[in-house]
Amino acid sequence: MTEFVVVLVTVGSSKEGERLARALVEEQLAACVNRIKGIQSIYRWQGQVEQSEEELLVIKSRRDLFECVKKRVQELHSYSVPEIIALPIVDGNENYLRWLEEELTRKDK
């Protein structure tokens, strides 16, 4: 079975979330991206505790595409150190996983 991952990325605005999500799906690096608005993040940055409202992107992809996803997010992201975390999908609805595989098979190859 193909190894799928969920990649979590936070962004600073809805506009940025839309741009990243659309690029990843259009480029077949992600089969689907869920955008969760209104995330409150508290974190330490440059020695200070900060708080900001962000949007969370939940990106469904394949493990072997992660480096490409990471590179593309870094190219498009406004943060100097964006959160890009991959979590394995250990099991799931077989039909959904089959759909992921179909959507992540690049048609240009």
PDB file of N, CA and C in Angstrom:
ATOM      1  N   MET A   1       0.838  -1.183   0.000  1.00  0.00           N
ATOM      2  CA  MET A   1       0.000   0.000   0.000  1.00  0.00           C
ATOM      3  C   MET A   1       0.883   1.245   0.000  1.00  0.00           C
ATOM      4  N   THR A   2       0.477   2.253  -0.713  1.00  0.00           N
ATOM      5  CA  THR A   2       1.197   3.517  -0.766  1.00  0.00           C
ATOM      6  C   THR A   2       1.177   4.177   0.601  1.00  0.00           C
ATOM      7  N   GLU A   3       2.268   4.833   0.940  1.00  0.00           N
ATOM      8  CA  GLU A   3       2.362   5.526   2.213  1.00  0.00           C
ATOM      9  C   GLU A   3       1.854   6.961   2.051  1.00  0.00           C
ATOM     10  N   PHE A   4       0.727   7.260   2.685  1.00  0.00           N
ATOM     11  CA  PHE A   4       0.132   8.583   2.628  1.00  0.00           C
ATOM     12  C   PHE A   4       0.484   9.358   3.886  1.00  0.00           C
ATOM     13  N   VAL A   5       0.452  10.699   3.766  1.00  0.00           N
ATOM     14  CA  VAL A   5       0.723  11.566   4.907  1.00  0.00           C
ATOM     15  C   VAL A   5      -0.292  12.704   4.939  1.00  0.00           C
ATOM     16  N   VAL A   6      -0.463  13.249   6.120  1.00  0.00           N
ATOM     17  CA  VAL A   6      -1.171  14.502   6.323  1.00  0.00           C
ATOM     18  C   VAL A   6      -0.100  15.509   6.704  1.00  0.00           C
ATOM     19  N   VAL A   7      -0.052  16.611   5.974  1.00  0.00           N
ATOM     20  CA  VAL A   7       0.936  17.657   6.246  1.00  0.00           C
ATOM     21  C   VAL A   7       0.206  18.852   6.835  1.00  0.00           C
ATOM     22  N   LEU A   8       0.679  19.313   7.982  1.00  0.00           N
ATOM     23  CA  LEU A   8       0.089  20.468   8.649  1.00  0.00           C
ATOM     24  C   LEU A   8       0.949  21.698   8.385  1.00  0.00           C
ATOM     25  N   VAL A   9       0.291  22.773   7.959  1.00  0.00           N
ATOM     26  CA  VAL A   9       0.969  24.038   7.681  1.00  0.00           C
ATOM     27  C   VAL A   9       0.075  25.155   8.208  1.00  0.00           C
ATOM     28  N   THR A  10       0.641  26.068   8.998  1.00  0.00           N
ATOM     29  CA  THR A  10      -0.112  27.241   9.411  1.00  0.00           C
ATOM     30  C   THR A  10       0.285  28.421   8.527  1.00  0.00           C
ATOM     31  N   VAL A  11      -0.694  29.282   8.265  1.00  0.00           N
ATOM     32  CA  VAL A  11      -0.457  30.478   7.450  1.00  0.00           C
ATOM     33  C   VAL A  11      -1.058  31.683   8.168  1.00  0.00           C
ATOM     34  N   GLY A  12      -0.575  32.861   7.811  1.00  0.00           N
ATOM     35  CA  GLY A  12      -0.978  34.078   8.510  1.00  0.00           C
ATOM     36  C   GLY A  12      -2.232  34.749   8.005  1.00  0.00           C
ATOM     37  N   SER A  13      -2.763  34.286   6.862  1.00  0.00           N
ATOM     38  CA  SER A  13      -3.965  34.923   6.334  1.00  0.00           C
ATOM     39  C   SER A  13      -4.755  33.951   5.469  1.00  0.00           C
ATOM     40  N   SER A  14      -6.025  34.271   5.281  1.00  0.00           N
ATOM     41  CA  SER A  14      -6.895  33.470   4.431  1.00  0.00           C
ATOM     42  C   SER A  14      -6.409  33.501   2.986  1.00  0.00           C
ATOM     43  N   LYS A  15      -5.966  34.664   2.541  1.00  0.00           N
ATOM     44  CA  LYS A  15      -5.467  34.807   1.171  1.00  0.00           C
ATOM     45  C   LYS A  15      -4.261  33.900   0.934  1.00  0.00           C
ATOM     46  N   GLU A  16      -3.359  33.861   1.899  1.00  0.00           N
ATOM     47  CA  GLU A  16      -2.186  32.994   1.772  1.00  0.00           C
ATOM     48  C   GLU A  16      -2.594  31.521   1.793  1.00  0.00           C
ATOM     49  N   GLY A  17      -3.550  31.168   2.639  1.00  0.00           N
ATOM     50  CA  GLY A  17      -4.044  29.796   2.695  1.00  0.00           C
ATOM     51  C   GLY A  17      -4.644  29.363   1.373  1.00  0.00           C
ATOM     52  N   GLU A  18      -5.441  30.225   0.768  1.00  0.00           N
ATOM     53  CA  GLU A  18      -6.049  29.938  -0.540  1.00  0.00           C
ATOM     54  C   GLU A  18      -4.969  29.725  -1.595  1.00  0.00           C
ATOM     55  N   ARG A  19      -3.974  30.613  -1.622  1.00  0.00           N
ATOM     56  CA  ARG A  19      -2.908  30.532  -2.629  1.00  0.00           C
ATOM     57  C   ARG A  19      -2.109  29.237  -2.494  1.00  0.00           C
ATOM     58  N   LEU A  20      -1.713  28.885  -1.280  1.00  0.00           N
ATOM     59  CA  LEU A  20      -0.950  27.662  -1.072  1.00  0.00           C
ATOM     60  C   LEU A  20      -1.782  26.422  -1.387  1.00  0.00           C
ATOM     61  N   ALA A  21      -3.003  26.374  -0.888  1.00  0.00           N
ATOM     62  CA  ALA A  21      -3.870  25.206  -1.102  1.00  0.00           C
ATOM     63  C   ALA A  21      -4.098  24.974  -2.593  1.00  0.00           C
ATOM     64  N   ARG A  22      -4.448  26.034  -3.293  1.00  0.00           N
ATOM     65  CA  ARG A  22      -4.728  25.910  -4.726  1.00  0.00           C
ATOM     66  C   ARG A  22      -3.488  25.448  -5.492  1.00  0.00           C
ATOM     67  N   ALA A  23      -2.333  26.006  -5.186  1.00  0.00           N
ATOM     68  CA  ALA A  23      -1.096  25.624  -5.884  1.00  0.00           C
ATOM     69  C   ALA A  23      -0.778  24.152  -5.659  1.00  0.00           C
ATOM     70  N   LEU A  24      -0.886  23.677  -4.424  1.00  0.00           N
ATOM     71  CA  LEU A  24      -0.552  22.285  -4.127  1.00  0.00           C
ATOM     72  C   LEU A  24      -1.488  21.302  -4.826  1.00  0.00           C
ATOM     73  N   VAL A  25      -2.777  21.624  -4.875  1.00  0.00           N
ATOM     74  CA  VAL A  25      -3.733  20.740  -5.544  1.00  0.00           C
ATOM     75  C   VAL A  25      -3.551  20.813  -7.060  1.00  0.00           C
ATOM     76  N   GLU A  26      -3.415  22.011  -7.594  1.00  0.00           N
ATOM     77  CA  GLU A  26      -3.240  22.152  -9.047  1.00  0.00           C
ATOM     78  C   GLU A  26      -1.981  21.443  -9.533  1.00  0.00           C
ATOM     79  N   GLU A  27      -0.919  21.461  -8.722  1.00  0.00           N
ATOM     80  CA  GLU A  27       0.346  20.833  -9.105  1.00  0.00           C
ATOM     81  C   GLU A  27       0.393  19.346  -8.738  1.00  0.00           C
ATOM     82  N   GLN A  28      -0.716  18.809  -8.249  1.00  0.00           N
ATOM     83  CA  GLN A  28      -0.862  17.407  -7.859  1.00  0.00           C
ATOM     84  C   GLN A  28       0.147  16.978  -6.801  1.00  0.00           C
ATOM     85  N   LEU A  29       0.497  17.913  -5.926  1.00  0.00           N
ATOM     86  CA  LEU A  29       1.306  17.591  -4.754  1.00  0.00           C
ATOM     87  C   LEU A  29       0.406  17.244  -3.578  1.00  0.00           C
ATOM     88  N   ALA A  30      -0.855  17.633  -3.673  1.00  0.00           N
ATOM     89  CA  ALA A  30      -1.873  17.314  -2.675  1.00  0.00           C
ATOM     90  C   ALA A  30      -3.146  16.917  -3.397  1.00  0.00           C
ATOM     91  N   ALA A  31      -3.842  15.927  -2.851  1.00  0.00           N
ATOM     92  CA  ALA A  31      -5.139  15.539  -3.412  1.00  0.00           C
ATOM     93  C   ALA A  31      -6.228  16.458  -2.876  1.00  0.00           C
ATOM     94  N   CYS A  32      -6.035  16.942  -1.655  1.00  0.00           N
ATOM     95  CA  CYS A  32      -7.030  17.764  -0.985  1.00  0.00           C
ATOM     96  C   CYS A  32      -6.322  18.592   0.079  1.00  0.00           C
ATOM     97  N   VAL A  33      -6.793  19.813   0.274  1.00  0.00           N
ATOM     98  CA  VAL A  33      -6.298  20.658   1.362  1.00  0.00           C
ATOM     99  C   VAL A  33      -7.510  21.236   2.086  1.00  0.00           C
ATOM    100  N   ASN A  34      -7.630  20.930   3.368  1.00  0.00           N
ATOM    101  CA  ASN A  34      -8.672  21.541   4.203  1.00  0.00           C
ATOM    102  C   ASN A  34      -8.081  22.793   4.830  1.00  0.00           C
ATOM    103  N   ARG A  35      -8.883  23.859   4.843  1.00  0.00           N
ATOM    104  CA  ARG A  35      -8.454  25.122   5.439  1.00  0.00           C
ATOM    105  C   ARG A  35      -9.305  25.374   6.681  1.00  0.00           C
ATOM    106  N   ILE A  36      -8.657  25.416   7.836  1.00  0.00           N
ATOM    107  CA  ILE A  36      -9.352  25.633   9.100  1.00  0.00           C
ATOM    108  C   ILE A  36      -9.011  27.037   9.584  1.00  0.00           C
ATOM    109  N   LYS A  37     -10.012  27.888   9.592  1.00  0.00           N
ATOM    110  CA  LYS A  37      -9.807  29.292   9.968  1.00  0.00           C
ATOM    111  C   LYS A  37      -9.923  29.485  11.470  1.00  0.00           C
ATOM    112  N   GLY A  38      -9.347  30.578  11.942  1.00  0.00           N
ATOM    113  CA  GLY A  38      -9.517  30.973  13.336  1.00  0.00           C
ATOM    114  C   GLY A  38      -8.663  30.218  14.329  1.00  0.00           C
ATOM    115  N   ILE A  39      -7.523  29.727  13.921  1.00  0.00           N
ATOM    116  CA  ILE A  39      -6.609  29.037  14.840  1.00  0.00           C
ATOM    117  C   ILE A  39      -5.874  30.094  15.659  1.00  0.00           C
ATOM    118  N   GLN A  40      -5.859  29.961  16.970  1.00  0.00           N
ATOM    119  CA  GLN A  40      -5.100  30.850  17.840  1.00  0.00           C
ATOM    120  C   GLN A  40      -3.794  30.153  18.202  1.00  0.00           C
ATOM    121  N   SER A  41      -2.684  30.728  17.792  1.00  0.00           N
ATOM    122  CA  SER A  41      -1.380  30.134  18.061  1.00  0.00           C
ATOM    123  C   SER A  41      -0.628  30.957  19.097  1.00  0.00           C
ATOM    124  N   ILE A  42      -0.072  30.280  20.085  1.00  0.00           N
ATOM    125  CA  ILE A  42       0.803  30.894  21.078  1.00  0.00           C
ATOM    126  C   ILE A  42       2.132  30.170  20.964  1.00  0.00           C
ATOM    127  N   TYR A  43       3.195  30.923  20.790  1.00  0.00           N
ATOM    128  CA  TYR A  43       4.498  30.320  20.501  1.00  0.00           C
ATOM    129  C   TYR A  43       5.618  31.257  20.940  1.00  0.00           C
ATOM    130  N   ARG A  44       6.807  30.712  21.071  1.00  0.00           N
ATOM    131  CA  ARG A  44       7.974  31.512  21.389  1.00  0.00           C
ATOM    132  C   ARG A  44       8.701  31.808  20.087  1.00  0.00           C
ATOM    133  N   TRP A  45       8.982  33.082  19.826  1.00  0.00           N
ATOM    134  CA  TRP A  45       9.683  33.494  18.614  1.00  0.00           C
ATOM    135  C   TRP A  45      10.678  34.586  18.983  1.00  0.00           C
ATOM    136  N   GLN A  46      11.931  34.331  18.691  1.00  0.00           N
ATOM    137  CA  GLN A  46      13.015  35.272  18.945  1.00  0.00           C
ATOM    138  C   GLN A  46      13.006  35.764  20.394  1.00  0.00           C
ATOM    139  N   GLY A  47      12.832  34.805  21.321  1.00  0.00           N
ATOM    140  CA  GLY A  47      12.909  35.095  22.744  1.00  0.00           C
ATOM    141  C   GLY A  47      11.653  35.673  23.366  1.00  0.00           C
ATOM    142  N   GLN A  48      10.611  35.882  22.598  1.00  0.00           N
ATOM    143  CA  GLN A  48       9.371  36.459  23.103  1.00  0.00           C
ATOM    144  C   GLN A  48       8.209  35.479  22.911  1.00  0.00           C
ATOM    145  N   VAL A  49       7.271  35.498  23.854  1.00  0.00           N
ATOM    146  CA  VAL A  49       6.045  34.723  23.682  1.00  0.00           C
ATOM    147  C   VAL A  49       5.101  35.568  22.835  1.00  0.00           C
ATOM    148  N   GLU A  50       4.675  34.985  21.733  1.00  0.00           N
ATOM    149  CA  GLU A  50       3.814  35.679  20.762  1.00  0.00           C
ATOM    150  C   GLU A  50       2.462  34.977  20.675  1.00  0.00           C
ATOM    151  N   GLN A  51       1.485  35.685  20.183  1.00  0.00           N
ATOM    152  CA  GLN A  51       0.171  35.112  19.921  1.00  0.00           C
ATOM    153  C   GLN A  51      -0.343  35.695  18.616  1.00  0.00           C
ATOM    154  N   SER A  52      -0.917  34.826  17.775  1.00  0.00           N
ATOM    155  CA  SER A  52      -1.470  35.312  16.516  1.00  0.00           C
ATOM    156  C   SER A  52      -2.610  34.417  16.061  1.00  0.00           C
ATOM    157  N   GLU A  53      -3.455  34.993  15.221  1.00  0.00           N
ATOM    158  CA  GLU A  53      -4.522  34.220  14.606  1.00  0.00           C
ATOM    159  C   GLU A  53      -3.999  33.721  13.269  1.00  0.00           C
ATOM    160  N   GLU A  54      -4.169  32.438  13.025  1.00  0.00           N
ATOM    161  CA  GLU A  54      -3.671  31.821  11.801  1.00  0.00           C
ATOM    162  C   GLU A  54      -4.760  30.945  11.195  1.00  0.00           C
ATOM    163  N   GLU A  55      -4.438  30.403  10.046  1.00  0.00           N
ATOM    164  CA  GLU A  55      -5.271  29.405   9.390  1.00  0.00           C
ATOM    165  C   GLU A  55      -4.434  28.134   9.307  1.00  0.00           C
ATOM    166  N   LEU A  56      -5.039  26.992   9.561  1.00  0.00           N
ATOM    167  CA  LEU A  56      -4.341  25.712   9.494  1.00  0.00           C
ATOM    168  C   LEU A  56      -4.704  25.009   8.198  1.00  0.00           C
ATOM    169  N   LEU A  57      -3.687  24.619   7.434  1.00  0.00           N
ATOM    170  CA  LEU A  57      -3.895  23.816   6.238  1.00  0.00           C
ATOM    171  C   LEU A  57      -3.646  22.356   6.589  1.00  0.00           C
ATOM    172  N   VAL A  58      -4.584  21.494   6.236  1.00  0.00           N
ATOM    173  CA  VAL A  58      -4.467  20.047   6.433  1.00  0.00           C
ATOM    174  C   VAL A  58      -4.354  19.457   5.031  1.00  0.00           C
ATOM    175  N   ILE A  59      -3.140  19.070   4.677  1.00  0.00           N
ATOM    176  CA  ILE A  59      -2.797  18.681   3.306  1.00  0.00           C
ATOM    177  C   ILE A  59      -2.682  17.167   3.227  1.00  0.00           C
ATOM    178  N   LYS A  60      -3.439  16.541   2.315  1.00  0.00           N
ATOM    179  CA  LYS A  60      -3.346  15.095   2.125  1.00  0.00           C
ATOM    180  C   LYS A  60      -2.455  14.805   0.924  1.00  0.00           C
ATOM    181  N   SER A  61      -1.399  14.022   1.165  1.00  0.00           N
ATOM    182  CA  SER A  61      -0.417  13.763   0.120  1.00  0.00           C
ATOM    183  C   SER A  61       0.190  12.375   0.325  1.00  0.00           C
ATOM    184  N   ARG A  62       1.254  12.115  -0.429  1.00  0.00           N
ATOM    185  CA  ARG A  62       2.011  10.862  -0.292  1.00  0.00           C
ATOM    186  C   ARG A  62       3.362  11.161   0.340  1.00  0.00           C
ATOM    187  N   ARG A  63       3.881  10.194   1.053  1.00  0.00           N
ATOM    188  CA  ARG A  63       5.187  10.347   1.714  1.00  0.00           C
ATOM    189  C   ARG A  63       6.282  10.696   0.705  1.00  0.00           C
ATOM    190  N   ASP A  64       6.264  10.052  -0.466  1.00  0.00           N
ATOM    191  CA  ASP A  64       7.328  10.295  -1.448  1.00  0.00           C
ATOM    192  C   ASP A  64       7.228  11.676  -2.099  1.00  0.00           C
ATOM    193  N   LEU A  65       6.113  12.378  -1.888  1.00  0.00           N
ATOM    194  CA  LEU A  65       5.960  13.736  -2.412  1.00  0.00           C
ATOM    195  C   LEU A  65       6.278  14.803  -1.363  1.00  0.00           C
ATOM    196  N   PHE A  66       6.567  14.371  -0.124  1.00  0.00           N
ATOM    197  CA  PHE A  66       6.729  15.340   0.960  1.00  0.00           C
ATOM    198  C   PHE A  66       7.814  16.382   0.679  1.00  0.00           C
ATOM    199  N   GLU A  67       8.956  15.987   0.177  1.00  0.00           N
ATOM    200  CA  GLU A  67      10.022  16.959  -0.082  1.00  0.00           C
ATOM    201  C   GLU A  67       9.575  18.016  -1.090  1.00  0.00           C
ATOM    202  N   CYS A  68       8.812  17.601  -2.094  1.00  0.00           N
ATOM    203  CA  CYS A  68       8.284  18.555  -3.079  1.00  0.00           C
ATOM    204  C   CYS A  68       7.241  19.472  -2.446  1.00  0.00           C
ATOM    205  N   VAL A  69       6.387  18.917  -1.589  1.00  0.00           N
ATOM    206  CA  VAL A  69       5.394  19.721  -0.878  1.00  0.00           C
ATOM    207  C   VAL A  69       6.113  20.751  -0.014  1.00  0.00           C
ATOM    208  N   LYS A  70       7.096  20.279   0.750  1.00  0.00           N
ATOM    209  CA  LYS A  70       7.841  21.176   1.642  1.00  0.00           C
ATOM    210  C   LYS A  70       8.518  22.301   0.859  1.00  0.00           C
ATOM    211  N   LYS A  71       9.163  21.952  -0.233  1.00  0.00           N
ATOM    212  CA  LYS A  71       9.843  22.958  -1.051  1.00  0.00           C
ATOM    213  C   LYS A  71       8.860  23.990  -1.594  1.00  0.00           C
ATOM    214  N   ARG A  72       7.726  23.515  -2.083  1.00  0.00           N
ATOM    215  CA  ARG A  72       6.737  24.417  -2.671  1.00  0.00           C
ATOM    216  C   ARG A  72       6.130  25.335  -1.606  1.00  0.00           C
ATOM    217  N   VAL A  73       5.839  24.790  -0.433  1.00  0.00           N
ATOM    218  CA  VAL A  73       5.315  25.614   0.659  1.00  0.00           C
ATOM    219  C   VAL A  73       6.335  26.682   1.031  1.00  0.00           C
ATOM    220  N   GLN A  74       7.597  26.302   1.149  1.00  0.00           N
ATOM    221  CA  GLN A  74       8.641  27.274   1.493  1.00  0.00           C
ATOM    222  C   GLN A  74       8.760  28.369   0.432  1.00  0.00           C
ATOM    223  N   GLU A  75       8.585  28.018  -0.826  1.00  0.00           N
ATOM    224  CA  GLU A  75       8.648  29.012  -1.904  1.00  0.00           C
ATOM    225  C   GLU A  75       7.500  30.013  -1.828  1.00  0.00           C
ATOM    226  N   LEU A  76       6.316  29.549  -1.442  1.00  0.00           N
ATOM    227  CA  LEU A  76       5.115  30.380  -1.466  1.00  0.00           C
ATOM    228  C   LEU A  76       4.779  31.051  -0.126  1.00  0.00           C
ATOM    229  N   HIS A  77       5.368  30.576   0.951  1.00  0.00           N
ATOM    230  CA  HIS A  77       4.982  31.004   2.303  1.00  0.00           C
ATOM    231  C   HIS A  77       5.608  32.331   2.678  1.00  0.00           C
ATOM    232  N   SER A  78       4.869  33.127   3.437  1.00  0.00           N
ATOM    233  CA  SER A  78       5.374  34.435   3.870  1.00  0.00           C
ATOM    234  C   SER A  78       6.262  34.353   5.118  1.00  0.00           C
ATOM    235  N   TYR A  79       6.167  33.260   5.879  1.00  0.00           N
ATOM    236  CA  TYR A  79       6.976  33.131   7.098  1.00  0.00           C
ATOM    237  C   TYR A  79       8.398  32.719   6.740  1.00  0.00           C
ATOM    238  N   SER A  80       9.369  33.202   7.507  1.00  0.00           N
ATOM    239  CA  SER A  80      10.755  32.782   7.285  1.00  0.00           C
ATOM    240  C   SER A  80      10.977  31.347   7.768  1.00  0.00           C
ATOM    241  N   VAL A  81      10.191  30.911   8.759  1.00  0.00           N
ATOM    242  CA  VAL A  81      10.280  29.534   9.273  1.00  0.00           C
ATOM    243  C   VAL A  81       8.860  28.962   9.352  1.00  0.00           C
ATOM    244  N   PRO A  82       8.296  28.542   8.227  1.00  0.00           N
ATOM    245  CA  PRO A  82       6.925  28.019   8.266  1.00  0.00           C
ATOM    246  C   PRO A  82       6.847  26.650   8.930  1.00  0.00           C
ATOM    247  N   GLU A  83       5.722  26.414   9.583  1.00  0.00           N
ATOM    248  CA  GLU A  83       5.436  25.085  10.136  1.00  0.00           C
ATOM    249  C   GLU A  83       5.077  24.169   8.969  1.00  0.00           C
ATOM    250  N   ILE A  84       5.827  23.086   8.822  1.00  0.00           N
ATOM    251  CA  ILE A  84       5.534  22.072   7.801  1.00  0.00           C
ATOM    252  C   ILE A  84       5.810  20.725   8.471  1.00  0.00           C
ATOM    253  N   ILE A  85       4.761  20.048   8.904  1.00  0.00           N
ATOM    254  CA  ILE A  85       4.893  18.813   9.675  1.00  0.00           C
ATOM    255  C   ILE A  85       4.106  17.711   8.982  1.00  0.00           C
ATOM    256  N   ALA A  86       4.756  16.586   8.727  1.00  0.00           N
ATOM    257  CA  ALA A  86       4.084  15.448   8.097  1.00  0.00           C
ATOM    258  C   ALA A  86       3.765  14.380   9.141  1.00  0.00           C
ATOM    259  N   LEU A  87       2.532  13.901   9.108  1.00  0.00           N
ATOM    260  CA  LEU A  87       2.083  12.817   9.984  1.00  0.00           C
ATOM    261  C   LEU A  87       1.636  11.653   9.108  1.00  0.00           C
ATOM    262  N   PRO A  88       2.011  10.431   9.462  1.00  0.00           N
ATOM    263  CA  PRO A  88       1.602   9.295   8.631  1.00  0.00           C
ATOM    264  C   PRO A  88       0.117   8.992   8.771  1.00  0.00           C
ATOM    265  N   ILE A  89      -0.475   8.559   7.682  1.00  0.00           N
ATOM    266  CA  ILE A  89      -1.835   8.017   7.714  1.00  0.00           C
ATOM    267  C   ILE A  89      -1.646   6.505   7.845  1.00  0.00           C
ATOM    268  N   VAL A  90      -2.014   5.959   8.978  1.00  0.00           N
ATOM    269  CA  VAL A  90      -1.753   4.540   9.231  1.00  0.00           C
ATOM    270  C   VAL A  90      -2.857   3.631   8.717  1.00  0.00           C
ATOM    271  N   ASP A  91      -4.049   4.184   8.508  1.00  0.00           N
ATOM    272  CA  ASP A  91      -5.154   3.387   7.987  1.00  0.00           C
ATOM    273  C   ASP A  91      -6.254   4.346   7.559  1.00  0.00           C
ATOM    274  N   GLY A  92      -7.203   3.847   6.785  1.00  0.00           N
ATOM    275  CA  GLY A  92      -8.288   4.707   6.356  1.00  0.00           C
ATOM    276  C   GLY A  92      -9.269   3.972   5.469  1.00  0.00           C
ATOM    277  N   ASN A  93     -10.293   4.684   5.062  1.00  0.00           N
ATOM    278  CA  ASN A  93     -11.296   4.173   4.147  1.00  0.00           C
ATOM    279  C   ASN A  93     -10.587   3.795   2.840  1.00  0.00           C
ATOM    280  N   GLU A  94     -10.683   2.546   2.439  1.00  0.00           N
ATOM    281  CA  GLU A  94      -9.968   2.075   1.245  1.00  0.00           C
ATOM    282  C   GLU A  94     -10.335   2.875  -0.006  1.00  0.00           C
ATOM    283  N   ASN A  95     -11.606   3.200  -0.163  1.00  0.00           N
ATOM    284  CA  ASN A  95     -12.020   3.986  -1.332  1.00  0.00           C
ATOM    285  C   ASN A  95     -11.406   5.382  -1.312  1.00  0.00           C
ATOM    286  N   TYR A  96     -11.321   5.989  -0.129  1.00  0.00           N
ATOM    287  CA  TYR A  96     -10.710   7.317  -0.009  1.00  0.00           C
ATOM    288  C   TYR A  96      -9.219   7.240  -0.321  1.00  0.00           C
ATOM    289  N   LEU A  97      -8.547   6.239   0.205  1.00  0.00           N
ATOM    290  CA  LEU A  97      -7.110   6.085  -0.060  1.00  0.00           C
ATOM    291  C   LEU A  97      -6.846   5.809  -1.541  1.00  0.00           C
ATOM    292  N   ARG A  98      -7.728   5.064  -2.177  1.00  0.00           N
ATOM    293  CA  ARG A  98      -7.608   4.823  -3.610  1.00  0.00           C
ATOM    294  C   ARG A  98      -7.762   6.140  -4.384  1.00  0.00           C
ATOM    295  N   TRP A  99      -8.722   6.960  -3.950  1.00  0.00           N
ATOM    296  CA  TRP A  99      -8.921   8.270  -4.571  1.00  0.00           C
ATOM    297  C   TRP A  99      -7.672   9.148  -4.395  1.00  0.00           C
ATOM    298  N   LEU A 100      -7.084   9.135  -3.188  1.00  0.00           N
ATOM    299  CA  LEU A 100      -5.847   9.888  -2.963  1.00  0.00           C
ATOM    300  C   LEU A 100      -4.784   9.470  -3.972  1.00  0.00           C
ATOM    301  N   GLU A 101      -4.610   8.176  -4.120  1.00  0.00           N
ATOM    302  CA  GLU A 101      -3.598   7.661  -5.048  1.00  0.00           C
ATOM    303  C   GLU A 101      -3.866   8.137  -6.472  1.00  0.00           C
ATOM    304  N   GLU A 102      -5.116   8.068  -6.893  1.00  0.00           N
ATOM    305  CA  GLU A 102      -5.463   8.506  -8.259  1.00  0.00           C
ATOM    306  C   GLU A 102      -5.182   9.991  -8.455  1.00  0.00           C
ATOM    307  N   GLU A 103      -5.529  10.808  -7.478  1.00  0.00           N
ATOM    308  CA  GLU A 103      -5.343  12.254  -7.597  1.00  0.00           C
ATOM    309  C   GLU A 103      -3.876  12.676  -7.500  1.00  0.00           C
ATOM    310  N   LEU A 104      -3.071  11.849  -6.874  1.00  0.00           N
ATOM    311  CA  LEU A 104      -1.654  12.187  -6.700  1.00  0.00           C
ATOM    312  C   LEU A 104      -0.755  11.544  -7.750  1.00  0.00           C
ATOM    313  N   THR A 105      -1.364  10.902  -8.731  1.00  0.00           N
ATOM    314  CA  THR A 105      -0.599  10.351  -9.835  1.00  0.00           C
ATOM    315  C   THR A 105      -0.524  11.418 -10.911  1.00  0.00           C
ATOM    316  N   ARG A 106       0.654  11.952 -11.107  1.00  0.00           N
ATOM    317  CA  ARG A 106       0.835  13.078 -12.021  1.00  0.00           C
ATOM    318  C   ARG A 106       0.544  12.639 -13.445  1.00  0.00           C
ATOM    319  N   LYS A 107      -0.343  13.374 -14.069  1.00  0.00           N
ATOM    320  CA  LYS A 107      -0.777  13.041 -15.429  1.00  0.00           C
ATOM    321  C   LYS A 107       0.270  13.378 -16.475  1.00  0.00           C
ATOM    322  N   ASP A 108       1.235  14.245 -16.125  1.00  0.00           N
ATOM    323  CA  ASP A 108       2.243  14.693 -17.090  1.00  0.00           C
ATOM    324  C   ASP A 108       3.454  13.768 -17.156  1.00  0.00           C
ATOM    325  N   LYS A 109       3.441  12.674 -16.397  1.00  0.00           N
ATOM    326  CA  LYS A 109       4.601  11.761 -16.406  1.00  0.00           C
ATOM    327  C   LYS A 109       4.371  10.605 -17.343  1.00  0.00           C
TER     328      LYS A 109
END
